[in-house]
Protein backbone atom coordinates (compact mmCIF):
# COMPACT_ATOMS: atom_id res chain seq x y z
CA MET A 1 0.00 0.00 0.00
CA ALA A 2 1.34 3.48 -0.90
CA THR A 3 2.28 5.76 1.94
CA GLN A 4 0.68 9.24 1.85
CA PRO A 5 3.08 12.08 2.60
CA LEU A 6 2.54 13.79 5.95
CA GLY A 7 1.99 17.19 4.29
CA ALA A 8 -0.74 15.81 2.08
CA SER A 9 -2.48 14.28 5.12
CA LEU A 10 -2.41 17.63 6.91
CA THR A 11 -3.78 19.38 3.84
CA LEU A 12 -6.61 16.87 3.53
CA THR A 13 -7.46 17.22 7.20
CA ARG A 14 -7.45 20.99 6.93
CA THR A 15 -9.67 20.83 3.83
CA SER A 16 -12.12 18.46 5.52
CA LEU A 17 -12.30 20.70 8.56
CA LEU A 18 -12.99 23.78 6.45
CA ALA A 19 -15.67 21.89 4.51
CA ALA A 20 -17.30 20.74 7.73
CA LEU A 21 -17.28 24.30 9.08
CA ALA A 22 -18.80 25.61 5.86
CA LEU A 23 -21.54 22.96 5.97
CA ALA A 24 -22.31 23.86 9.57
CA VAL A 25 -22.67 27.53 8.62
CA VAL A 26 -25.03 26.59 5.77
CA ASN A 27 -27.08 24.39 8.11
CA VAL A 28 -27.35 27.19 10.69
CA ALA A 29 -28.45 29.60 7.95
CA CYS A 30 -31.07 27.14 6.76
CA VAL A 31 -32.47 26.70 10.26
CA ALA A 32 -32.59 30.47 10.70
CA GLU A 33 -34.40 30.90 7.38
CA GLY A 34 -36.87 28.19 8.35
CA ALA A 35 -37.58 29.90 11.68
CA LEU A 36 -38.05 33.29 10.09
CA ASP A 37 -40.11 31.75 7.32
CA GLU A 38 -42.31 29.96 9.87
CA GLU A 39 -42.32 26.92 7.56
CA ALA A 40 -39.35 24.74 8.48
CA LEU A 41 -40.16 22.20 5.78
CA GLU A 42 -41.59 24.42 3.08
CA GLY A 43 -38.36 24.66 1.12
CA ALA A 44 -36.96 21.22 1.96
CA ASP A 45 -36.77 20.06 -1.63
CA ASP A 46 -35.07 16.74 -0.90
CA SER A 47 -36.44 15.92 2.56
CA GLY A 48 -39.24 13.66 1.35
CA ASP A 49 -41.98 16.08 2.41
CA GLY A 50 -43.49 16.18 -1.05
CA TYR A 51 -42.20 19.58 -2.14
CA GLY A 52 -41.71 19.68 -5.86
CA ALA A 53 -44.55 17.25 -6.57
CA GLN A 54 -47.39 18.46 -8.78
CA SER A 55 -49.96 17.91 -6.04
CA VAL A 56 -50.27 17.36 -2.31
CA LEU A 57 -54.04 17.46 -1.85
CA GLY A 58 -54.60 16.70 -5.51
CA ASP A 59 -56.76 18.87 -7.74
CA VAL A 60 -59.09 20.86 -5.48
CA ALA A 61 -62.24 22.48 -6.80
CA VAL A 62 -62.40 26.27 -6.88
CA GLY A 63 -64.33 27.48 -3.84
CA SER A 64 -63.14 24.65 -1.59
CA VAL A 65 -62.16 25.67 1.94
CA LEU A 66 -58.83 24.54 3.44
CA ARG A 67 -57.73 24.86 7.06
CA ALA A 68 -54.10 25.56 7.97
CA THR A 69 -52.56 22.91 10.23
CA THR A 70 -49.73 25.29 11.22
CA THR A 71 -48.66 28.84 10.48
CA VAL A 72 -48.01 28.91 6.75
CA ASN A 73 -46.86 31.56 4.28
CA LEU A 74 -49.06 33.12 1.64
CA ARG A 75 -46.65 33.90 -1.20
CA LYS A 76 -46.76 35.98 -4.37
CA GLY A 77 -46.10 32.90 -6.50
CA PRO A 78 -45.93 29.09 -6.37
CA GLY A 79 -42.52 28.59 -4.75
CA THR A 80 -40.25 29.66 -1.94
CA GLY A 81 -38.45 32.05 -4.25
CA PHE A 82 -41.50 34.32 -4.28
CA GLY A 83 -42.04 37.00 -1.66
CA ILE A 84 -44.29 36.51 1.36
CA LEU A 85 -47.57 38.46 1.35
CA HIS A 86 -48.43 37.49 4.93
CA VAL A 87 -48.61 34.48 7.24
CA VAL A 88 -51.84 32.46 7.48
CA PRO A 89 -52.38 31.65 11.19
CA ASN A 90 -52.63 28.07 12.43
CA GLY A 91 -56.29 27.00 12.25
CA ALA A 92 -57.31 29.75 9.83
CA THR A 93 -59.19 28.90 6.66
CA VAL A 94 -58.49 29.85 3.05
CA THR A 95 -60.58 29.57 -0.10
CA VAL A 96 -59.17 27.88 -3.20
CA VAL A 97 -58.97 30.19 -6.23
CA SER A 98 -57.39 27.85 -8.80
CA ALA A 99 -58.06 24.12 -8.99
CA LYS A 100 -54.61 23.14 -10.30
CA PRO A 101 -51.65 23.18 -7.89
CA SER A 102 -48.18 24.18 -9.03
CA GLY A 103 -45.28 22.37 -7.42
CA GLY A 104 -47.44 21.53 -4.42
CA PHE A 105 -48.52 25.16 -4.00
CA TYR A 106 -52.20 26.18 -4.25
CA GLN A 107 -53.57 29.55 -5.23
CA VAL A 108 -55.83 30.56 -2.36
CA LYS A 109 -57.50 33.62 -0.86
CA HIS A 110 -57.11 34.62 2.78
CA GLY A 111 -58.16 37.85 4.44
CA GLY A 112 -59.05 39.35 1.08
CA VAL A 113 -55.55 38.64 -0.29
CA THR A 114 -54.91 36.11 -3.08
CA GLY A 115 -51.59 34.26 -3.16
CA TRP A 116 -49.93 30.85 -3.18
CA SER A 117 -49.56 28.53 -0.20
CA TYR A 118 -48.04 25.08 0.22
CA GLY A 119 -50.69 22.35 0.30
CA LEU A 120 -48.86 20.09 2.75
CA TYR A 121 -49.88 22.41 5.55
CA TYR A 122 -53.63 22.32 4.89
CA ASP A 123 -56.56 19.97 5.34
CA LYS A 124 -59.60 20.26 3.08
CA ILE A 125 -62.71 20.90 5.18
CA SER A 126 -65.38 21.65 2.56
CA SER A 127 -66.04 21.62 -1.15
CA PRO A 128 -68.09 24.14 -3.11
CA THR A 129 -71.79 23.48 -3.33
CA PRO A 130 -73.34 22.77 -6.73
CA THR A 131 -75.63 25.65 -7.62
CA PRO A 132 -79.01 24.79 -9.09
CA GLY A 133 -79.49 26.97 -12.14
CA GLY A 134 -77.42 29.87 -10.80
CA THR A 135 -80.40 31.89 -9.53
CA SER A 136 -81.75 29.97 -6.54
CA LEU A 137 -81.51 31.18 -2.96
CA ASP A 138 -81.22 27.50 -2.10
CA ALA A 139 -77.62 27.57 -3.29
CA ILE A 140 -76.71 30.22 -0.71
CA LYS A 141 -78.60 28.41 2.04
CA THR A 142 -76.84 25.16 1.15
CA ILE A 143 -73.41 26.82 1.33
CA ALA A 144 -74.29 28.09 4.80
CA GLY A 145 -76.01 24.95 6.07
CA ASN A 146 -73.14 22.68 5.01
CA SER A 147 -70.39 24.94 6.32
CA ALA A 148 -67.86 24.55 9.11
CA CYS A 149 -69.37 27.73 10.53
CA PHE A 150 -72.65 25.89 11.09
CA ARG A 151 -70.85 22.93 12.66
CA TYR A 152 -68.83 25.06 15.08
CA SER A 153 -69.69 24.79 18.80
CA TRP A 154 -69.79 28.33 20.22
CA ASN A 155 -68.46 29.05 23.70
CA ASN A 156 -71.22 28.45 26.27
CA ARG A 157 -73.82 28.28 23.50
CA GLY A 158 -73.18 25.19 21.40
CA GLN A 159 -74.16 24.79 17.77
CA MET A 160 -76.23 27.46 16.09
CA PRO A 161 -79.69 26.81 14.59
CA ARG A 162 -79.34 25.93 10.92
CA GLY A 163 -81.84 28.65 10.05
CA TYR A 164 -79.70 31.29 11.74
CA VAL A 165 -76.61 30.69 9.63
CA LYS A 166 -78.72 30.40 6.47
CA GLY A 167 -80.65 33.57 7.24
CA VAL A 168 -77.57 35.67 7.99
CA ALA A 169 -75.98 34.36 4.78
CA LEU A 170 -78.99 35.60 2.80
CA VAL A 171 -78.92 39.02 4.46
CA PHE A 172 -75.19 39.30 3.74
CA ALA A 173 -75.72 38.19 0.13
CA ARG A 174 -78.27 40.95 -0.36
CA ALA A 175 -75.81 43.49 1.06
CA VAL A 176 -73.21 42.28 -1.46
CA CYS A 177 -75.79 42.82 -4.20
CA GLU A 178 -76.62 46.30 -2.92
CA LYS A 179 -73.19 47.71 -2.11
CA LYS A 180 -74.37 51.27 -2.83
CA ARG A 181 -77.24 51.11 -0.34
CA SER A 182 -76.51 53.80 2.23
CA ASP A 183 -76.50 51.52 5.28
CA VAL A 184 -74.23 49.04 3.47
CA VAL A 185 -71.83 51.86 2.58
CA LEU A 186 -71.67 52.78 6.28
CA VAL A 187 -71.05 49.18 7.37
CA SER A 188 -68.40 48.71 4.66
CA ARG A 189 -66.33 51.79 5.46
CA PRO A 190 -62.76 51.32 6.76
CA ALA A 191 -62.31 50.60 10.44
CA THR A 192 -61.97 53.73 12.53
CA THR A 193 -59.81 54.21 15.62
CA ASP A 194 -62.86 54.80 17.83
CA ASP A 195 -62.73 51.91 20.30
CA ALA A 196 -65.71 53.32 22.18
CA ARG A 197 -68.14 53.02 19.26
CA ASP A 198 -66.74 51.02 16.35
CA ALA A 199 -66.63 47.24 16.88
CA LEU A 200 -63.98 46.90 14.17
CA SER A 201 -61.70 49.26 16.08
CA TRP A 202 -62.44 47.62 19.43
CA TYR A 203 -61.82 44.15 17.93
CA ARG A 204 -58.81 45.28 15.89
CA SER A 205 -56.33 42.86 17.52
CA THR A 206 -58.74 39.94 17.04
CA PHE A 207 -59.18 40.63 13.35
CA SER A 208 -55.47 41.26 12.90
CA GLY A 209 -54.62 37.95 14.54
CA LEU A 210 -56.85 36.19 12.02
CA GLY A 211 -55.30 38.02 9.07
CA MET A 212 -58.55 39.89 8.42
CA SER A 213 -57.91 43.43 7.22
CA ASN A 214 -60.64 46.07 7.54
CA ASP A 215 -59.54 48.72 5.07
CA GLY A 216 -63.01 49.11 3.63
CA GLY A 217 -65.11 47.49 0.91
CA VAL A 218 -66.75 44.10 0.64
CA GLU A 219 -64.11 42.36 2.79
CA THR A 220 -64.86 44.74 5.66
CA LEU A 221 -68.60 44.19 5.12
CA ARG A 222 -67.99 40.44 5.34
CA HIS A 223 -65.99 40.76 8.54
CA VAL A 224 -68.78 42.76 10.16
CA TYR A 225 -71.18 39.94 9.34
CA ALA A 226 -68.74 37.36 10.70
CA LEU A 227 -68.74 39.25 14.01
CA LEU A 228 -72.52 39.69 13.73
CA LEU A 229 -72.90 35.90 13.67
CA GLY A 230 -70.89 35.61 16.88
CA LEU A 231 -72.81 38.42 18.57
CA GLY A 232 -76.19 36.83 17.80
CA MET A 233 -75.03 33.50 19.17
CA ARG A 234 -73.96 35.18 22.40
CA GLU A 235 -77.10 37.29 22.76
CA SER A 236 -79.79 34.77 21.81
CA SER A 237 -78.15 31.50 20.71
CA GLY A 238 -79.24 32.51 17.19
CA GLN A 239 -82.98 32.52 17.91
CA HIS A 240 -84.81 35.24 16.01
CA CYS A 241 -87.88 35.39 18.28
CA VAL A 242 -86.18 36.03 21.63
CA GLY A 243 -87.72 38.84 23.67
CA ARG A 244 -86.19 40.96 26.40
CA ASP A 245 -84.09 39.49 29.20
CA ALA A 246 -86.71 38.73 31.87
CA SER A 247 -84.17 39.42 34.63
CA ALA A 248 -83.62 42.98 33.38
CA THR A 249 -85.69 46.06 34.24
CA ASN A 250 -85.84 47.54 30.74
CA THR A 251 -89.58 47.11 30.17
CA SER A 252 -90.52 50.30 28.32
CA SER A 253 -91.24 50.02 24.62
CA ASP A 254 -88.07 51.97 23.84
CA SER A 255 -85.72 50.05 26.14
CA ALA A 256 -87.01 46.46 25.85
CA GLU A 257 -84.58 44.36 23.80
CA ALA A 258 -85.78 42.06 21.07
CA GLY A 259 -84.62 39.68 18.36
CA ALA A 260 -81.53 37.61 17.74
CA TRP A 261 -79.21 40.53 18.49
CA GLN A 262 -81.15 41.88 21.50
CA THR A 263 -81.31 45.45 20.27
CA SER A 264 -83.68 48.11 21.63
CA TRP A 265 -85.38 51.06 19.96
CA ASP A 266 -83.65 53.62 22.16
CA SER A 267 -80.57 52.99 19.99
CA ARG A 268 -82.13 54.78 17.01
CA SER A 269 -80.29 58.06 17.65
CA SER A 270 -76.96 56.29 17.01
CA SER A 271 -77.23 56.76 13.24
CA ALA A 272 -79.52 58.49 10.78
CA GLU A 273 -79.63 55.17 8.91
CA LEU A 274 -81.64 53.42 11.64
CA PRO A 275 -85.13 55.01 11.76
CA PRO A 276 -85.70 54.61 7.99
CA MET A 277 -85.02 50.88 8.35
CA LEU A 278 -87.97 50.51 10.70
CA ALA A 279 -90.16 52.53 8.35
CA LYS A 280 -89.16 50.31 5.41
CA TYR A 281 -89.98 47.01 7.10
CA ARG A 282 -93.04 48.42 8.81
CA ALA A 283 -94.41 49.15 5.35
CA SER A 284 -93.58 45.72 3.93
CA SER A 285 -92.42 42.34 5.21
CA GLU A 286 -90.85 41.47 1.85
CA GLY A 287 -87.29 40.21 2.23
CA CYS A 288 -87.60 39.36 5.94
CA PHE A 289 -86.43 35.74 5.45
CA LEU A 290 -88.51 34.62 8.44
CA GLU A 291 -89.13 31.13 7.04
CA THR A 292 -85.38 30.63 6.74
CA PHE A 293 -84.45 31.99 10.18
CA ARG A 294 -87.08 29.90 11.95
CA GLU A 295 -85.52 26.56 10.89
CA GLY A 296 -84.43 24.76 14.05
CA VAL A 297 -85.97 27.38 16.36
CA SER A 298 -89.00 26.90 18.62
CA CYS A 299 -90.74 30.11 19.69
CA SER A 300 -92.99 30.29 22.77
CA ALA A 301 -95.84 32.71 23.46
CA SER A 302 -93.64 34.56 25.95
CA ASN A 303 -91.03 35.06 23.21
CA TRP A 304 -93.54 36.94 21.08
CA LYS A 305 -94.69 39.22 23.89
CA ASN A 306 -93.79 42.89 23.40
CA TRP A 307 -93.35 45.41 26.19
CA GLY A 308 -94.43 48.98 26.88
CA THR A 309 -96.92 51.30 25.19
CA GLY A 310 -95.11 53.44 22.62
CA ALA A 311 -96.13 52.50 19.09
CA ASP A 312 -92.67 52.79 17.52
CA GLY A 313 -91.00 50.80 20.29
CA LEU A 314 -93.67 48.09 20.15
CA ASP A 315 -93.32 47.86 16.37
CA PHE A 316 -89.54 47.71 16.70
CA GLN A 317 -89.81 44.71 19.05
CA ARG A 318 -92.38 42.96 16.88
CA ILE A 319 -90.53 43.51 13.61
CA SER A 320 -87.15 42.57 15.11
CA LYS A 321 -88.58 39.12 15.90
CA ALA A 322 -90.92 38.63 12.93
CA CYS A 323 -88.51 40.12 10.35
CA PRO A 324 -85.02 38.91 11.31
CA ALA A 325 -83.46 40.40 8.18
CA PHE A 326 -84.39 43.82 9.59
CA ALA A 327 -82.80 42.92 12.93
CA ALA A 328 -79.60 41.80 11.18
CA GLU A 329 -79.28 44.89 8.97
CA TYR A 330 -80.01 47.16 11.94
CA ALA A 331 -77.45 45.38 14.15
CA ALA A 332 -74.82 45.54 11.38
CA VAL A 333 -75.07 49.34 11.42
CA MET A 334 -75.00 49.31 15.20
CA LEU A 335 -71.72 47.39 15.18
CA ARG A 336 -70.10 50.31 13.39
CA VAL A 337 -71.66 53.14 15.43
CA ARG A 338 -72.34 51.65 18.89
CA GLY A 339 -70.48 48.37 18.92
CA GLY A 340 -67.36 49.32 20.86
CA LYS A 341 -66.28 49.15 24.46
CA SER A 342 -68.87 51.78 25.45
CA GLY A 343 -71.53 50.51 23.10
CA HIS A 344 -74.99 48.95 23.11
CA TYR A 345 -74.07 45.26 23.32
CA GLY A 346 -72.66 43.60 26.44
CA PRO A 347 -70.98 40.72 24.56
CA LEU A 348 -69.08 43.27 22.47
CA ARG A 349 -68.11 45.43 25.43
CA THR A 350 -66.57 42.36 27.09
CA LYS A 351 -65.36 40.84 23.81
CA ALA A 352 -67.34 37.68 24.58
CA ALA A 353 -68.72 37.60 21.03
CA GLU A 354 -66.48 35.36 18.92
CA VAL A 355 -65.08 36.00 15.44
CA ARG A 356 -64.70 32.65 13.70
CA PRO A 357 -62.60 32.22 10.53
CA GLU A 358 -64.94 29.36 9.53
CA CYS A 359 -67.78 31.87 9.33
CA ASP A 360 -65.71 34.37 7.35
CA SER A 361 -64.88 31.57 4.90
CA MET A 362 -68.56 30.64 4.59
CA LEU A 363 -69.47 34.26 3.89
CA GLU A 364 -66.64 34.50 1.37
CA GLN A 365 -68.13 31.53 -0.50
CA VAL A 366 -71.50 33.30 -0.47
CA GLN A 367 -69.84 36.47 -1.72
CA SER A 368 -68.11 34.54 -4.52
CA TYR A 369 -71.38 32.88 -5.51
CA VAL A 370 -73.22 36.22 -5.70
CA GLU A 371 -70.43 37.85 -7.69
CA THR A 372 -70.33 34.91 -10.10
CA ASN A 373 -74.12 34.65 -10.37
CA PRO A 374 -75.42 38.25 -10.13
CA SER A 375 -78.87 37.17 -11.27
CA VAL A 376 -79.43 35.79 -7.76
CA CYS A 377 -79.77 39.40 -6.61
CA ASP A 378 -83.22 39.53 -8.22
CA ALA A 379 -84.39 36.79 -5.85
CA LEU A 380 -82.94 38.50 -2.78
């Protein structure tokens, strides 16, 4: 066997040591990048995690809802070489925009932002609902009734009535159709910094933590309705016919609370938008969606009782219960003008009303359906 010169051996050892040090530096850099990226495996091309494959979940229908199983990046393009738009929180939901993945990345929408996210870090929780003919309200009700929002068990309240989620979805859909309606414009405006009055300001950290921006427009409108769903569950467990709290002393026609959101007529001075709403639904019950809201709800005679003597206050109580669409539209305005820490609603003042990403995703599917099938607006 040939004998290697001592100098050569030292050179080889020195080279090996330098190579090992260089590799260690690279490894440390990779770990740091993974920590900053919040996706330790996202770029691990040769680790066996599936990156680089054409599909992880397979082809997923447009409109499907995915839930993040960890914090995961939303990128500008389908690969780790593209910039990060923002991070999707663990447990948040996204809506699929394009059915075909690219290198394991899916084009999805989250918080009003469309980008690409790696499919390994998601579970599919719902598929889009077939729409019968493109004009039926049944399509919207099916989206809502089959959603993860409906299946969610609310803190201290349990599962919502199926009619409640369907009814709110219809009211929201009509607002999407009528974006220029004055009350919808008010509800859709950007979040203020008025914690005392504006629920979007008061709940700013909650929305921010869910990646839900409230810079105005239809996304802000949707987020108000997502919070509205949580408020109604806290106030009445989603029951449209609930009357005033029997343990309270507010028994005048102006102060007695009524309906799913437990609002009272003495709130009318909060916005010039509110009194005309009562006049509109007092004149006609068209568009109340009572038959939808009553699904899964049992109303007693005491529920229907109204309190006090003033005609406007009595009508407000009656219409809030018999026309839940009115109650929802009225409460949506109230969230923006008296929904803060000094506002009308106890569950908002204490932040006991939940904002659920499952409900935002359901409403986003409704929004997408309306925007794709504008003829449904005629039926709303």
